Protein backbone atom coordinates (compact mmCIF):
# COMPACT_ATOMS: atom_id res chain seq x y z
CA MET A 1 -12.34 3.89 34.75
CA LYS A 2 -14.60 6.38 33.22
CA ASN A 3 -12.29 9.18 34.24
CA GLU A 4 -9.23 7.29 32.90
CA LYS A 5 -10.91 6.89 29.50
CA LYS A 6 -11.64 10.59 29.41
CA ILE A 7 -8.00 11.38 30.17
CA ILE A 8 -6.77 8.93 27.50
CA VAL A 9 -9.23 10.27 24.99
CA SER A 10 -8.28 13.81 25.86
CA ASP A 11 -4.54 13.05 25.49
CA MET A 12 -5.06 11.34 22.19
CA SER A 13 -7.16 14.24 20.96
CA LYS A 14 -4.43 16.69 21.89
CA LYS A 15 -1.82 14.61 20.13
CA ARG A 16 -3.95 14.25 17.01
CA GLY A 17 -4.61 17.99 17.11
CA LYS A 18 -0.95 18.90 17.45
CA ALA A 19 -0.04 16.47 14.70
CA ALA A 20 -2.73 17.88 12.46
CA LEU A 21 -1.69 21.42 13.25
CA LYS A 22 1.96 20.57 12.65
CA LYS A 23 1.07 18.89 9.38
CA PHE A 24 -1.10 21.73 8.22
CA VAL A 25 0.88 24.76 9.36
CA THR A 26 4.56 24.07 9.87
CA PRO A 27 5.58 22.38 6.59
CA LYS A 28 3.41 24.57 4.38
CA THR A 29 4.29 27.78 6.16
CA GLY A 30 8.05 27.00 6.03
CA GLY A 31 7.85 26.16 2.28
CA VAL A 32 5.99 29.36 1.39
CA THR A 33 8.47 31.52 3.32
CA SER A 34 11.52 29.88 1.71
CA SER A 35 10.12 30.25 -1.82
CA MET A 36 9.20 33.88 -1.32
CA TYR A 37 12.67 34.59 0.11
CA VAL A 38 14.38 33.05 -2.93
CA ARG A 39 12.16 35.00 -5.33
CA ASN A 40 12.79 38.24 -3.44
CA ALA A 41 16.56 37.65 -3.32
CA SER A 42 16.64 36.91 -7.06
CA LYS A 43 14.60 40.01 -7.78
CA GLN A 44 16.93 42.13 -5.65
CA GLN A 45 20.01 40.73 -7.42
CA LYS A 46 18.51 41.56 -10.80
CA GLU A 47 17.67 45.08 -9.62
CA THR A 48 21.17 45.55 -8.24
CA LYS A 49 22.69 44.30 -11.50
CA ARG A 50 20.48 46.62 -13.54
CA MET A 51 21.44 49.55 -11.31
CA GLY A 52 25.14 48.69 -11.68
CA ILE A 53 24.87 48.58 -15.47
CA ALA A 54 22.89 51.80 -15.53
CA THR A 55 25.48 53.48 -13.29
CA ARG A 56 28.38 52.36 -15.49
CA ILE A 57 26.57 53.57 -18.60
CA LEU A 58 25.87 56.91 -16.93
CA ILE A 59 29.52 57.30 -15.87
CA THR A 60 30.70 56.39 -19.38
CA VAL A 61 28.33 58.93 -20.92
CA ILE A 62 29.51 61.61 -18.48
CA ILE A 63 33.19 60.87 -19.26
CA LEU A 64 32.53 60.98 -23.01
CA ALA A 65 30.62 64.22 -22.62
CA LEU A 66 33.41 65.79 -20.57
CA THR A 67 35.98 64.57 -23.10
CA ALA A 68 33.98 66.08 -25.93
CA VAL A 69 33.66 69.38 -24.05
CA PHE A 70 37.40 69.47 -23.28
CA THR A 71 38.30 68.63 -26.88
CA ALA A 72 35.99 71.35 -28.14
CA PHE A 73 37.58 73.80 -25.66
CA VAL A 74 41.08 72.94 -26.83
CA VAL A 75 40.25 73.03 -30.55
CA LEU A 76 37.91 76.00 -30.59
CA TYR A 77 39.49 78.21 -27.94
CA LEU A 78 42.84 77.15 -26.50
CA ILE A 79 44.70 76.46 -29.76
CA PRO A 80 43.49 79.65 -31.50
CA PHE A 81 44.32 81.63 -28.36
CA MET A 82 47.86 80.23 -28.20
CA ARG A 83 48.38 80.89 -31.90
CA SER A 84 47.24 84.46 -31.52
CA GLU A 85 49.56 84.94 -28.54
CA MET A 86 52.49 83.51 -30.49
CA GLU A 87 51.72 85.79 -33.41
CA ILE A 88 51.61 88.76 -31.05
CA GLU A 89 54.95 87.74 -29.51
CA ASP A 90 56.49 87.21 -32.93
CA GLY A 91 55.18 90.56 -34.02
CA ALA A 92 56.56 92.18 -30.89
CA SER A 93 59.94 90.47 -31.39
CA SER A 94 60.01 91.59 -34.99
CA ALA A 95 59.15 95.09 -33.93
CA ILE A 96 61.88 95.08 -31.28
CA SER A 97 64.35 93.64 -33.77
CA PHE A 98 63.37 96.25 -36.31
CA VAL A 99 63.74 99.03 -33.75
CA SER A 100 67.13 97.66 -32.65
CA GLU A 101 68.33 97.47 -36.24
CA ALA A 102 67.00 100.94 -36.89
CA GLU A 103 68.76 102.27 -33.80
CA SER A 104 72.01 100.54 -34.72
CA ALA A 105 71.71 101.96 -38.22
CA VAL A 106 71.73 105.49 -36.84
CA PRO A 107 75.33 106.75 -37.16
CA GLN A 108 77.18 107.71 -33.98
CA TYR A 109 79.78 110.49 -34.01
CA ASP A 110 82.66 111.48 -31.75
CA GLU A 111 83.68 114.95 -30.61
CA PHE A 112 85.42 115.61 -33.94
CA GLY A 113 82.30 114.71 -35.90
CA LEU A 114 83.85 111.43 -37.07
CA GLU A 115 81.58 108.40 -37.39
CA VAL A 116 82.13 105.77 -34.70
CA TYR A 117 82.16 102.08 -35.68
CA ASP A 118 82.09 98.92 -33.62
CA ASP A 119 84.98 96.48 -33.42
CA THR A 120 83.70 94.28 -36.25
CA VAL A 121 84.91 97.16 -38.41
CA ASN A 122 87.69 98.66 -36.32
CA LEU A 123 89.49 95.39 -35.55
CA LEU A 124 89.03 93.59 -38.85
CA ILE A 125 92.44 92.10 -39.51
CA ILE A 126 94.13 90.23 -42.34
CA ASN A 127 97.38 88.36 -41.73
CA ALA A 128 98.85 84.86 -41.98
CA GLN A 129 96.41 83.60 -39.34
CA HIS A 130 93.39 85.51 -40.66
CA LYS A 131 93.55 85.18 -44.40
CA ALA A 132 91.30 86.93 -46.89
CA GLU A 133 89.76 85.78 -50.13
CA SER A 134 90.37 87.41 -53.46
CA THR A 135 86.69 88.38 -53.40
CA ASP A 136 87.00 90.29 -50.10
CA ILE A 137 86.80 93.82 -51.47
CA PRO A 138 85.79 96.77 -49.27
CA GLU A 139 83.94 99.80 -50.52
CA THR A 140 86.68 102.34 -51.17
CA GLU A 141 87.08 106.08 -51.55
CA GLN A 142 90.03 108.15 -52.73
CA VAL A 143 91.55 110.47 -50.14
CA SER A 144 94.90 112.29 -50.41
CA GLY A 145 95.79 110.43 -53.58
CA VAL A 146 95.17 106.86 -52.36
CA LEU A 147 92.22 104.49 -52.13
CA ILE A 148 91.08 103.62 -48.62
CA ASN A 149 88.15 101.90 -46.97
CA LYS A 150 85.24 104.32 -47.27
CA LYS A 151 84.43 103.95 -43.56
CA ILE A 152 87.67 105.67 -42.53
CA ALA A 153 87.67 108.39 -45.18
CA GLY A 154 86.49 111.02 -42.69
CA ALA A 155 89.17 110.12 -40.16
CA VAL A 156 91.92 110.25 -42.78
CA ARG A 157 90.77 113.65 -44.03
CA TYR A 158 90.67 114.98 -40.48
CA LEU A 159 94.16 113.60 -39.80
CA VAL A 160 95.59 115.18 -42.96
CA ASP A 161 93.81 118.52 -42.45
CA THR A 162 94.90 118.78 -38.82
CA ALA A 163 98.51 118.04 -39.76
CA LYS A 164 98.34 120.64 -42.52
CA ASN A 165 96.96 123.27 -40.13
CA GLU A 166 99.96 122.57 -37.90
CA GLY A 167 102.43 122.97 -40.79
CA LEU A 168 102.92 119.32 -41.69
CA ALA A 169 102.22 117.93 -45.17
CA LEU A 170 101.09 114.39 -44.50
CA GLN A 171 101.31 112.30 -47.68
CA PHE A 172 100.72 108.63 -48.45
CA SER A 173 102.25 106.22 -50.93
CA ALA A 174 99.75 103.38 -50.50
CA GLY A 175 96.28 102.66 -49.17
CA TYR A 176 93.96 99.84 -50.18
CA ILE A 177 95.82 97.07 -52.01
CA SER A 178 93.79 94.37 -53.73
CA TYR A 179 94.54 90.65 -53.68
CA SER A 180 95.96 90.68 -57.22
CA GLU A 181 98.02 93.81 -56.57
CA GLN A 182 99.51 92.28 -53.42
CA GLU A 183 100.36 89.13 -55.35
CA ALA A 184 102.18 91.23 -57.95
CA ILE A 185 104.09 93.17 -55.24
CA TYR A 186 105.22 89.95 -53.57
CA ASN A 187 106.33 88.36 -56.85
CA ALA A 188 108.24 91.54 -57.74
CA GLU A 189 110.14 91.36 -54.43
CA VAL A 190 110.95 87.70 -55.06
CA ASP A 191 112.34 88.60 -58.50
CA ARG A 192 114.40 91.46 -57.03
CA LEU A 193 115.97 89.21 -54.41
CA MET A 194 116.85 86.64 -57.03
CA GLN A 195 118.38 89.17 -59.43
CA GLU A 196 120.04 91.60 -57.01
CA GLU A 197 120.90 89.33 -54.08
CA GLY A 198 121.45 86.09 -55.93
CA PHE A 199 118.86 84.15 -53.92
CA THR A 200 117.40 80.93 -55.20
CA LEU A 201 113.64 80.91 -55.84
CA VAL A 202 112.91 79.08 -52.58
CA MET A 203 115.17 81.36 -50.56
CA ALA A 204 113.78 84.48 -52.22
CA ARG A 205 110.21 83.50 -51.44
CA GLU A 206 111.02 82.97 -47.76
CA GLU A 207 113.05 86.18 -47.52
CA ALA A 208 110.35 88.25 -49.25
CA LYS A 209 107.79 87.30 -46.58
CA ASP A 210 109.67 89.38 -43.99
CA SER A 211 109.03 92.63 -45.81
CA VAL A 212 106.11 91.87 -48.13
CA ALA A 213 102.99 89.93 -47.22
CA LEU A 214 101.61 87.20 -49.40
CA ALA A 215 98.36 87.82 -51.23
CA ALA A 216 95.45 87.10 -48.84
CA GLU A 217 97.73 87.86 -45.86
CA SER A 218 98.12 91.62 -46.25
CA ASP A 219 96.29 93.96 -43.87
CA PHE A 220 96.31 96.54 -46.67
CA GLN A 221 93.52 94.49 -48.24
CA THR A 222 91.18 95.76 -45.48
CA GLY A 223 91.62 99.30 -46.77
CA MET A 224 92.29 100.38 -43.15
CA CYS A 225 96.07 100.75 -43.55
CA LEU A 226 98.03 103.62 -45.08
CA LYS A 227 101.71 103.88 -45.88
CA VAL A 228 103.12 107.31 -45.13
CA LYS A 229 105.69 108.63 -47.58
CA GLY A 230 109.16 108.37 -46.10
CA ASP A 231 112.12 106.08 -45.60
CA ALA A 232 111.18 103.24 -43.22
CA GLU A 233 114.75 103.03 -41.85
CA THR A 234 114.99 106.72 -40.89
CA PHE A 235 111.31 107.51 -40.34
CA GLN A 236 111.54 107.52 -36.53
CA ALA A 237 113.86 110.53 -36.73
CA SER A 238 111.39 112.53 -38.81
CA GLN A 239 109.03 115.35 -37.83
CA THR A 240 106.17 113.34 -39.31
CA TYR A 241 106.82 110.43 -36.94
CA ASP A 242 106.85 112.78 -33.93
CA TRP A 243 103.59 114.42 -34.96
CA LEU A 244 101.87 111.09 -35.59
CA THR A 245 103.05 109.73 -32.25
CA LYS A 246 101.52 112.71 -30.43
CA ASN A 247 98.30 113.11 -32.42
CA MET A 248 97.12 110.14 -34.47
CA THR A 249 95.55 108.15 -31.62
CA LYS A 250 92.96 110.93 -31.19
CA TYR A 251 91.73 110.14 -34.67
CA GLY A 252 91.86 106.36 -34.24
CA PHE A 253 95.25 105.41 -35.74
CA ILE A 254 98.18 103.27 -34.52
CA PHE A 255 101.51 102.14 -35.96
CA ARG A 256 100.80 98.81 -37.64
CA PHE A 257 104.30 97.25 -37.43
CA PRO A 258 106.05 98.64 -34.33
CA LYS A 259 109.50 97.71 -33.09
CA ASP A 260 110.12 94.37 -31.32
CA LYS A 261 106.86 92.86 -32.58
CA GLU A 262 108.23 91.06 -35.65
CA THR A 263 107.55 87.59 -34.29
CA VAL A 264 103.92 88.55 -33.67
CA THR A 265 103.14 90.55 -36.81
CA GLY A 266 105.31 88.45 -39.11
CA ARG A 267 106.69 91.67 -40.60
CA GLU A 268 109.77 93.80 -40.15
CA THR A 269 109.48 97.01 -38.15
CA ASP A 270 107.92 99.73 -40.30
CA TYR A 271 106.66 102.93 -38.72
CA THR A 272 105.57 104.32 -42.07
CA VAL A 273 102.48 102.06 -41.96
CA ILE A 274 99.59 103.33 -39.85
CA ARG A 275 96.32 101.55 -39.27
CA TYR A 276 92.83 102.73 -38.25
CA VAL A 277 91.32 100.91 -35.24
CA GLY A 278 89.02 103.55 -33.74
CA ARG A 279 89.88 106.09 -31.06
CA ASP A 280 89.22 103.96 -27.96
CA ASN A 281 91.21 101.04 -29.31
CA ALA A 282 94.04 103.29 -30.50
CA GLU A 283 94.45 104.81 -27.05
CA LYS A 284 94.47 101.38 -25.38
CA VAL A 285 96.91 99.84 -27.88
CA THR A 286 99.31 102.75 -27.36
CA ARG A 287 98.98 102.68 -23.56
CA LEU A 288 99.57 98.91 -23.44
CA SER A 289 102.48 99.08 -25.95
CA MET A 290 100.93 96.33 -28.04
CA CYS A 291 100.72 95.63 -31.74
CA LEU A 292 97.31 94.95 -33.29
CA GLU A 293 97.63 91.15 -33.07
CA GLU A 294 98.54 91.31 -29.38
CA TYR A 295 95.68 93.67 -28.64
CA ILE A 296 93.09 91.44 -30.31
CA ASP A 297 94.39 88.44 -28.34
CA TYR A 298 94.25 90.54 -25.18
CA LEU A 299 90.60 91.43 -25.76
CA GLU A 300 89.71 87.79 -26.42
CA GLU A 301 91.38 86.76 -23.15
CA GLN A 302 89.37 89.40 -21.29
CA LEU A 303 86.16 87.86 -22.59
CA ASN A 304 87.10 84.34 -21.45
């Protein structure tokens, strides 16, 4: 019995001790740990949030700083540099343009010492399709008794002098004809047809166009045409015609209104009218058996 009491007492003591230990340690220890964990987690969240804000602020500041640096680079260096480069290029272009103009302004001469012009001069044409204004007046010079475009004065003198040296007196009855002069010539032909041929005014005006150009439609207004003295109907049988046929292309001249070209030129055949077109063009026109209108169309087709 005594031993049983000891065992009971001992078991009860162990139970009370475990209960006391459980009461003292387990609840309190678990509560302290949980509270500390919550506080630590909250503190870590706040630290993480502060670090995130600080990082975003730092990134924003860096971006703004880089933007400011780039803007300063563009404004202070890049734009002035580009402007200076453009000014240099413009200056170079101007210099090149000036040199080109200066070079083009230097006269070029052929083997006869005659000035060579480009086709803006040589192939300037006035006709029914390419009309002139009354204000289109070339600079003229008098040669062999007639006014002509000053640019061809040298060629005309050379033509006349060469013919003279070969025993031919080359003379002209017309050169540059102004707008008002051409108008008067046309009206005079209309009057003649009415008085001598009995044409009505309408008929006379139409008939006159075959032999006399209207004002603004006459190639004589360019100052590049000359009318050689002689009878248009018998001129092909003359010594002058033969000499011109053999020699004038060398000096840049062609027959302006050749045979079988009436529908193209709008004028009757007239070998007494010669026209300056430049040596190269004159040789090609003669070789191709073309009139001036056909030759200009031919050149345009070659470009297309």
